Amino acid sequence: MDALKTAQYARALYSAHGDKAEAEAAQKAREFEAAGNVEEAQNWQAVRASIRQMRGPNQG
């Protein structure tokens, strides 16, 4: 998946799920990895990283 498509998925997921979007992407990555689909798992890890960037640093 190219960077533009990754960013589009990340924005859409973040719009739909808010702060839970990163966890959703992580879950998808785990599911694809468990199913043996490494490429799709890597795509979802990239989406997760993009969401993390959008959210910015923790304000904790």
PDB file of N, CA and C in Angstrom:
ATOM      1  N   MET A   1       0.857  -1.167   0.000  1.00  0.00           N
ATOM      2  CA  MET A   1       0.000   0.000   0.000  1.00  0.00           C
ATOM      3  C   MET A   1       0.907   1.236   0.000  1.00  0.00           C
ATOM      4  N   ASP A   2       0.614   2.184  -0.866  1.00  0.00           N
ATOM      5  CA  ASP A   2       1.454   3.381  -0.918  1.00  0.00           C
ATOM      6  C   ASP A   2       1.113   4.335   0.232  1.00  0.00           C
ATOM      7  N   ALA A   3       1.969   5.323   0.427  1.00  0.00           N
ATOM      8  CA  ALA A   3       1.839   6.248   1.554  1.00  0.00           C
ATOM      9  C   ALA A   3       0.530   7.039   1.506  1.00  0.00           C
ATOM     10  N   LEU A   4       0.097   7.420   0.318  1.00  0.00           N
ATOM     11  CA  LEU A   4      -1.141   8.183   0.190  1.00  0.00           C
ATOM     12  C   LEU A   4      -2.341   7.354   0.628  1.00  0.00           C
ATOM     13  N   LYS A   5      -2.395   6.124   0.181  1.00  0.00           N
ATOM     14  CA  LYS A   5      -3.507   5.236   0.548  1.00  0.00           C
ATOM     15  C   LYS A   5      -3.473   4.934   2.049  1.00  0.00           C
ATOM     16  N   THR A   6      -2.278   4.755   2.593  1.00  0.00           N
ATOM     17  CA  THR A   6      -2.137   4.522   4.032  1.00  0.00           C
ATOM     18  C   THR A   6      -2.706   5.699   4.813  1.00  0.00           C
ATOM     19  N   ALA A   7      -2.357   6.912   4.404  1.00  0.00           N
ATOM     20  CA  ALA A   7      -2.848   8.109   5.079  1.00  0.00           C
ATOM     21  C   ALA A   7      -4.367   8.232   4.954  1.00  0.00           C
ATOM     22  N   GLN A   8      -4.914   7.871   3.803  1.00  0.00           N
ATOM     23  CA  GLN A   8      -6.364   7.923   3.608  1.00  0.00           C
ATOM     24  C   GLN A   8      -7.081   6.935   4.535  1.00  0.00           C
ATOM     25  N   TYR A   9      -6.575   5.726   4.616  1.00  0.00           N
ATOM     26  CA  TYR A   9      -7.155   4.732   5.523  1.00  0.00           C
ATOM     27  C   TYR A   9      -7.069   5.224   6.963  1.00  0.00           C
ATOM     28  N   ALA A  10      -5.913   5.766   7.331  1.00  0.00           N
ATOM     29  CA  ALA A  10      -5.712   6.234   8.698  1.00  0.00           C
ATOM     30  C   ALA A  10      -6.695   7.356   9.040  1.00  0.00           C
ATOM     31  N   ARG A  11      -6.856   8.323   8.140  1.00  0.00           N
ATOM     32  CA  ARG A  11      -7.788   9.429   8.386  1.00  0.00           C
ATOM     33  C   ARG A  11      -9.223   8.922   8.514  1.00  0.00           C
ATOM     34  N   ALA A  12      -9.603   8.012   7.629  1.00  0.00           N
ATOM     35  CA  ALA A  12     -10.961   7.481   7.672  1.00  0.00           C
ATOM     36  C   ALA A  12     -11.214   6.713   8.974  1.00  0.00           C
ATOM     37  N   LEU A  13     -10.260   5.898   9.362  1.00  0.00           N
ATOM     38  CA  LEU A  13     -10.407   5.121  10.589  1.00  0.00           C
ATOM     39  C   LEU A  13     -10.446   6.041  11.807  1.00  0.00           C
ATOM     40  N   TYR A  14      -9.610   7.063  11.811  1.00  0.00           N
ATOM     41  CA  TYR A  14      -9.574   8.002  12.935  1.00  0.00           C
ATOM     42  C   TYR A  14     -10.880   8.797  13.000  1.00  0.00           C
ATOM     43  N   SER A  15     -11.414   9.173  11.845  1.00  0.00           N
ATOM     44  CA  SER A  15     -12.694   9.895  11.814  1.00  0.00           C
ATOM     45  C   SER A  15     -13.822   9.023  12.362  1.00  0.00           C
ATOM     46  N   ALA A  16     -13.786   7.746  12.023  1.00  0.00           N
ATOM     47  CA  ALA A  16     -14.848   6.831  12.432  1.00  0.00           C
ATOM     48  C   ALA A  16     -14.733   6.390  13.891  1.00  0.00           C
ATOM     49  N   HIS A  17     -13.499   6.209  14.383  1.00  0.00           N
ATOM     50  CA  HIS A  17     -13.311   5.599  15.706  1.00  0.00           C
ATOM     51  C   HIS A  17     -12.630   6.502  16.731  1.00  0.00           C
ATOM     52  N   GLY A  18     -12.166   7.663  16.318  1.00  0.00           N
ATOM     53  CA  GLY A  18     -11.515   8.574  17.253  1.00  0.00           C
ATOM     54  C   GLY A  18     -10.279   7.943  17.885  1.00  0.00           C
ATOM     55  N   ASP A  19     -10.168   8.101  19.196  1.00  0.00           N
ATOM     56  CA  ASP A  19      -8.989   7.612  19.905  1.00  0.00           C
ATOM     57  C   ASP A  19      -8.850   6.093  19.897  1.00  0.00           C
ATOM     58  N   LYS A  20      -9.899   5.386  19.529  1.00  0.00           N
ATOM     59  CA  LYS A  20      -9.835   3.919  19.468  1.00  0.00           C
ATOM     60  C   LYS A  20      -9.295   3.413  18.129  1.00  0.00           C
ATOM     61  N   ALA A  21      -9.056   4.325  17.195  1.00  0.00           N
ATOM     62  CA  ALA A  21      -8.629   3.939  15.848  1.00  0.00           C
ATOM     63  C   ALA A  21      -7.306   3.193  15.848  1.00  0.00           C
ATOM     64  N   GLU A  22      -6.359   3.637  16.662  1.00  0.00           N
ATOM     65  CA  GLU A  22      -5.059   2.969  16.701  1.00  0.00           C
ATOM     66  C   GLU A  22      -5.203   1.523  17.163  1.00  0.00           C
ATOM     67  N   ALA A  23      -6.038   1.303  18.155  1.00  0.00           N
ATOM     68  CA  ALA A  23      -6.283  -0.057  18.644  1.00  0.00           C
ATOM     69  C   ALA A  23      -6.974  -0.903  17.577  1.00  0.00           C
ATOM     70  N   GLU A  24      -7.879  -0.289  16.834  1.00  0.00           N
ATOM     71  CA  GLU A  24      -8.558  -1.012  15.748  1.00  0.00           C
ATOM     72  C   GLU A  24      -7.550  -1.457  14.688  1.00  0.00           C
ATOM     73  N   ALA A  25      -6.645  -0.560  14.309  1.00  0.00           N
ATOM     74  CA  ALA A  25      -5.634  -0.897  13.308  1.00  0.00           C
ATOM     75  C   ALA A  25      -4.709  -2.000  13.822  1.00  0.00           C
ATOM     76  N   ALA A  26      -4.340  -1.926  15.095  1.00  0.00           N
ATOM     77  CA  ALA A  26      -3.481  -2.954  15.690  1.00  0.00           C
ATOM     78  C   ALA A  26      -4.177  -4.311  15.670  1.00  0.00           C
ATOM     79  N   GLN A  27      -5.469  -4.316  15.971  1.00  0.00           N
ATOM     80  CA  GLN A  27      -6.234  -5.566  15.962  1.00  0.00           C
ATOM     81  C   GLN A  27      -6.275  -6.171  14.561  1.00  0.00           C
ATOM     82  N   LYS A  28      -6.505  -5.322  13.555  1.00  0.00           N
ATOM     83  CA  LYS A  28      -6.521  -5.800  12.162  1.00  0.00           C
ATOM     84  C   LYS A  28      -5.162  -6.406  11.810  1.00  0.00           C
ATOM     85  N   ALA A  29      -4.090  -5.736  12.208  1.00  0.00           N
ATOM     86  CA  ALA A  29      -2.744  -6.237  11.914  1.00  0.00           C
ATOM     87  C   ALA A  29      -2.534  -7.608  12.537  1.00  0.00           C
ATOM     88  N   ARG A  30      -2.956  -7.774  13.796  1.00  0.00           N
ATOM     89  CA  ARG A  30      -2.819  -9.070  14.475  1.00  0.00           C
ATOM     90  C   ARG A  30      -3.629 -10.153  13.777  1.00  0.00           C
ATOM     91  N   GLU A  31      -4.841  -9.804  13.361  1.00  0.00           N
ATOM     92  CA  GLU A  31      -5.698 -10.784  12.687  1.00  0.00           C
ATOM     93  C   GLU A  31      -5.067 -11.264  11.379  1.00  0.00           C
ATOM     94  N   PHE A  32      -4.554 -10.325  10.579  1.00  0.00           N
ATOM     95  CA  PHE A  32      -3.940 -10.719   9.312  1.00  0.00           C
ATOM     96  C   PHE A  32      -2.647 -11.493   9.536  1.00  0.00           C
ATOM     97  N   GLU A  33      -1.891 -11.113  10.562  1.00  0.00           N
ATOM     98  CA  GLU A  33      -0.658 -11.838  10.863  1.00  0.00           C
ATOM     99  C   GLU A  33      -0.974 -13.272  11.290  1.00  0.00           C
ATOM    100  N   ALA A  34      -1.994 -13.428  12.113  1.00  0.00           N
ATOM    101  CA  ALA A  34      -2.385 -14.761  12.572  1.00  0.00           C
ATOM    102  C   ALA A  34      -2.875 -15.630  11.409  1.00  0.00           C
ATOM    103  N   ALA A  35      -3.469 -14.978  10.416  1.00  0.00           N
ATOM    104  CA  ALA A  35      -3.970 -15.696   9.243  1.00  0.00           C
ATOM    105  C   ALA A  35      -2.859 -15.974   8.228  1.00  0.00           C
ATOM    106  N   GLY A  36      -1.657 -15.473   8.513  1.00  0.00           N
ATOM    107  CA  GLY A  36      -0.529 -15.718   7.621  1.00  0.00           C
ATOM    108  C   GLY A  36      -0.392 -14.713   6.497  1.00  0.00           C
ATOM    109  N   ASN A  37      -1.167 -13.651   6.527  1.00  0.00           N
ATOM    110  CA  ASN A  37      -1.112 -12.624   5.490  1.00  0.00           C
ATOM    111  C   ASN A  37      -0.198 -11.492   5.967  1.00  0.00           C
ATOM    112  N   VAL A  38       1.096 -11.705   5.814  1.00  0.00           N
ATOM    113  CA  VAL A  38       2.104 -10.787   6.330  1.00  0.00           C
ATOM    114  C   VAL A  38       2.025  -9.417   5.661  1.00  0.00           C
ATOM    115  N   GLU A  39       1.807  -9.402   4.348  1.00  0.00           N
ATOM    116  CA  GLU A  39       1.763  -8.126   3.633  1.00  0.00           C
ATOM    117  C   GLU A  39       0.614  -7.238   4.136  1.00  0.00           C
ATOM    118  N   GLU A  40      -0.557  -7.819   4.302  1.00  0.00           N
ATOM    119  CA  GLU A  40      -1.699  -7.044   4.790  1.00  0.00           C
ATOM    120  C   GLU A  40      -1.476  -6.614   6.239  1.00  0.00           C
ATOM    121  N   ALA A  41      -0.840  -7.466   7.038  1.00  0.00           N
ATOM    122  CA  ALA A  41      -0.514  -7.093   8.417  1.00  0.00           C
ATOM    123  C   ALA A  41       0.426  -5.889   8.436  1.00  0.00           C
ATOM    124  N   GLN A  42       1.400  -5.874   7.546  1.00  0.00           N
ATOM    125  CA  GLN A  42       2.314  -4.731   7.464  1.00  0.00           C
ATOM    126  C   GLN A  42       1.581  -3.465   7.040  1.00  0.00           C
ATOM    127  N   ASN A  43       0.624  -3.614   6.135  1.00  0.00           N
ATOM    128  CA  ASN A  43      -0.181  -2.456   5.723  1.00  0.00           C
ATOM    129  C   ASN A  43      -0.924  -1.857   6.914  1.00  0.00           C
ATOM    130  N   TRP A  44      -1.509  -2.710   7.734  1.00  0.00           N
ATOM    131  CA  TRP A  44      -2.249  -2.223   8.893  1.00  0.00           C
ATOM    132  C   TRP A  44      -1.320  -1.639   9.952  1.00  0.00           C
ATOM    133  N   GLN A  45      -0.104  -2.157  10.049  1.00  0.00           N
ATOM    134  CA  GLN A  45       0.873  -1.554  10.963  1.00  0.00           C
ATOM    135  C   GLN A  45       1.232  -0.143  10.491  1.00  0.00           C
ATOM    136  N   ALA A  46       1.319   0.038   9.182  1.00  0.00           N
ATOM    137  CA  ALA A  46       1.599   1.366   8.632  1.00  0.00           C
ATOM    138  C   ALA A  46       0.430   2.314   8.903  1.00  0.00           C
ATOM    139  N   VAL A  47      -0.793   1.814   8.791  1.00  0.00           N
ATOM    140  CA  VAL A  47      -1.967   2.620   9.107  1.00  0.00           C
ATOM    141  C   VAL A  47      -1.925   3.021  10.578  1.00  0.00           C
ATOM    142  N   ARG A  48      -1.582   2.072  11.428  1.00  0.00           N
ATOM    143  CA  ARG A  48      -1.488   2.354  12.862  1.00  0.00           C
ATOM    144  C   ARG A  48      -0.454   3.445  13.139  1.00  0.00           C
ATOM    145  N   ALA A  49       0.692   3.351  12.499  1.00  0.00           N
ATOM    146  CA  ALA A  49       1.743   4.354  12.688  1.00  0.00           C
ATOM    147  C   ALA A  49       1.275   5.733  12.217  1.00  0.00           C
ATOM    148  N   SER A  50       0.540   5.762  11.132  1.00  0.00           N
ATOM    149  CA  SER A  50       0.010   7.022  10.613  1.00  0.00           C
ATOM    150  C   SER A  50      -0.993   7.634  11.593  1.00  0.00           C
ATOM    151  N   ILE A  51      -1.833   6.799  12.173  1.00  0.00           N
ATOM    152  CA  ILE A  51      -2.794   7.278  13.175  1.00  0.00           C
ATOM    153  C   ILE A  51      -2.043   7.838  14.383  1.00  0.00           C
ATOM    154  N   ARG A  52      -1.009   7.144  14.798  1.00  0.00           N
ATOM    155  CA  ARG A  52      -0.209   7.603  15.939  1.00  0.00           C
ATOM    156  C   ARG A  52       0.379   8.987  15.661  1.00  0.00           C
ATOM    157  N   GLN A  53       0.844   9.207  14.446  1.00  0.00           N
ATOM    158  CA  GLN A  53       1.385  10.511  14.064  1.00  0.00           C
ATOM    159  C   GLN A  53       0.297  11.580  14.118  1.00  0.00           C
ATOM    160  N   MET A  54      -0.885  11.256  13.628  1.00  0.00           N
ATOM    161  CA  MET A  54      -1.989  12.218  13.650  1.00  0.00           C
ATOM    162  C   MET A  54      -2.358  12.614  15.059  1.00  0.00           C
ATOM    163  N   ARG A  55      -2.339  11.641  15.966  1.00  0.00           N
ATOM    164  CA  ARG A  55      -2.734  11.892  17.346  1.00  0.00           C
ATOM    165  C   ARG A  55      -1.704  12.748  18.079  1.00  0.00           C
ATOM    166  N   GLY A  56      -0.446  12.650  17.677  1.00  0.00           N
ATOM    167  CA  GLY A  56       0.606  13.408  18.338  1.00  0.00           C
ATOM    168  C   GLY A  56       1.061  12.732  19.610  1.00  0.00           C
ATOM    169  N   PRO A  57       1.967  13.390  20.328  1.00  0.00           N
ATOM    170  CA  PRO A  57       2.510  12.798  21.555  1.00  0.00           C
ATOM    171  C   PRO A  57       1.447  12.720  22.653  1.00  0.00           C
ATOM    172  N   ASN A  58       1.649  11.762  23.542  1.00  0.00           N
ATOM    173  CA  ASN A  58       0.724  11.610  24.671  1.00  0.00           C
ATOM    174  C   ASN A  58       0.754  12.860  25.527  1.00  0.00           C
ATOM    175  N   GLN A  59      -0.402  13.243  25.992  1.00  0.00           N
ATOM    176  CA  GLN A  59      -0.518  14.434  26.820  1.00  0.00           C
ATOM    177  C   GLN A  59      -0.592  14.077  28.296  1.00  0.00           C
ATOM    178  N   GLY A  60      -0.238  12.824  28.621  1.00  0.00           N
ATOM    179  CA  GLY A  60      -0.379  12.278  29.943  1.00  0.00           C
ATOM    180  C   GLY A  60       0.340  12.957  30.998  1.00  0.00           C
TER     181      GLY A  60
END
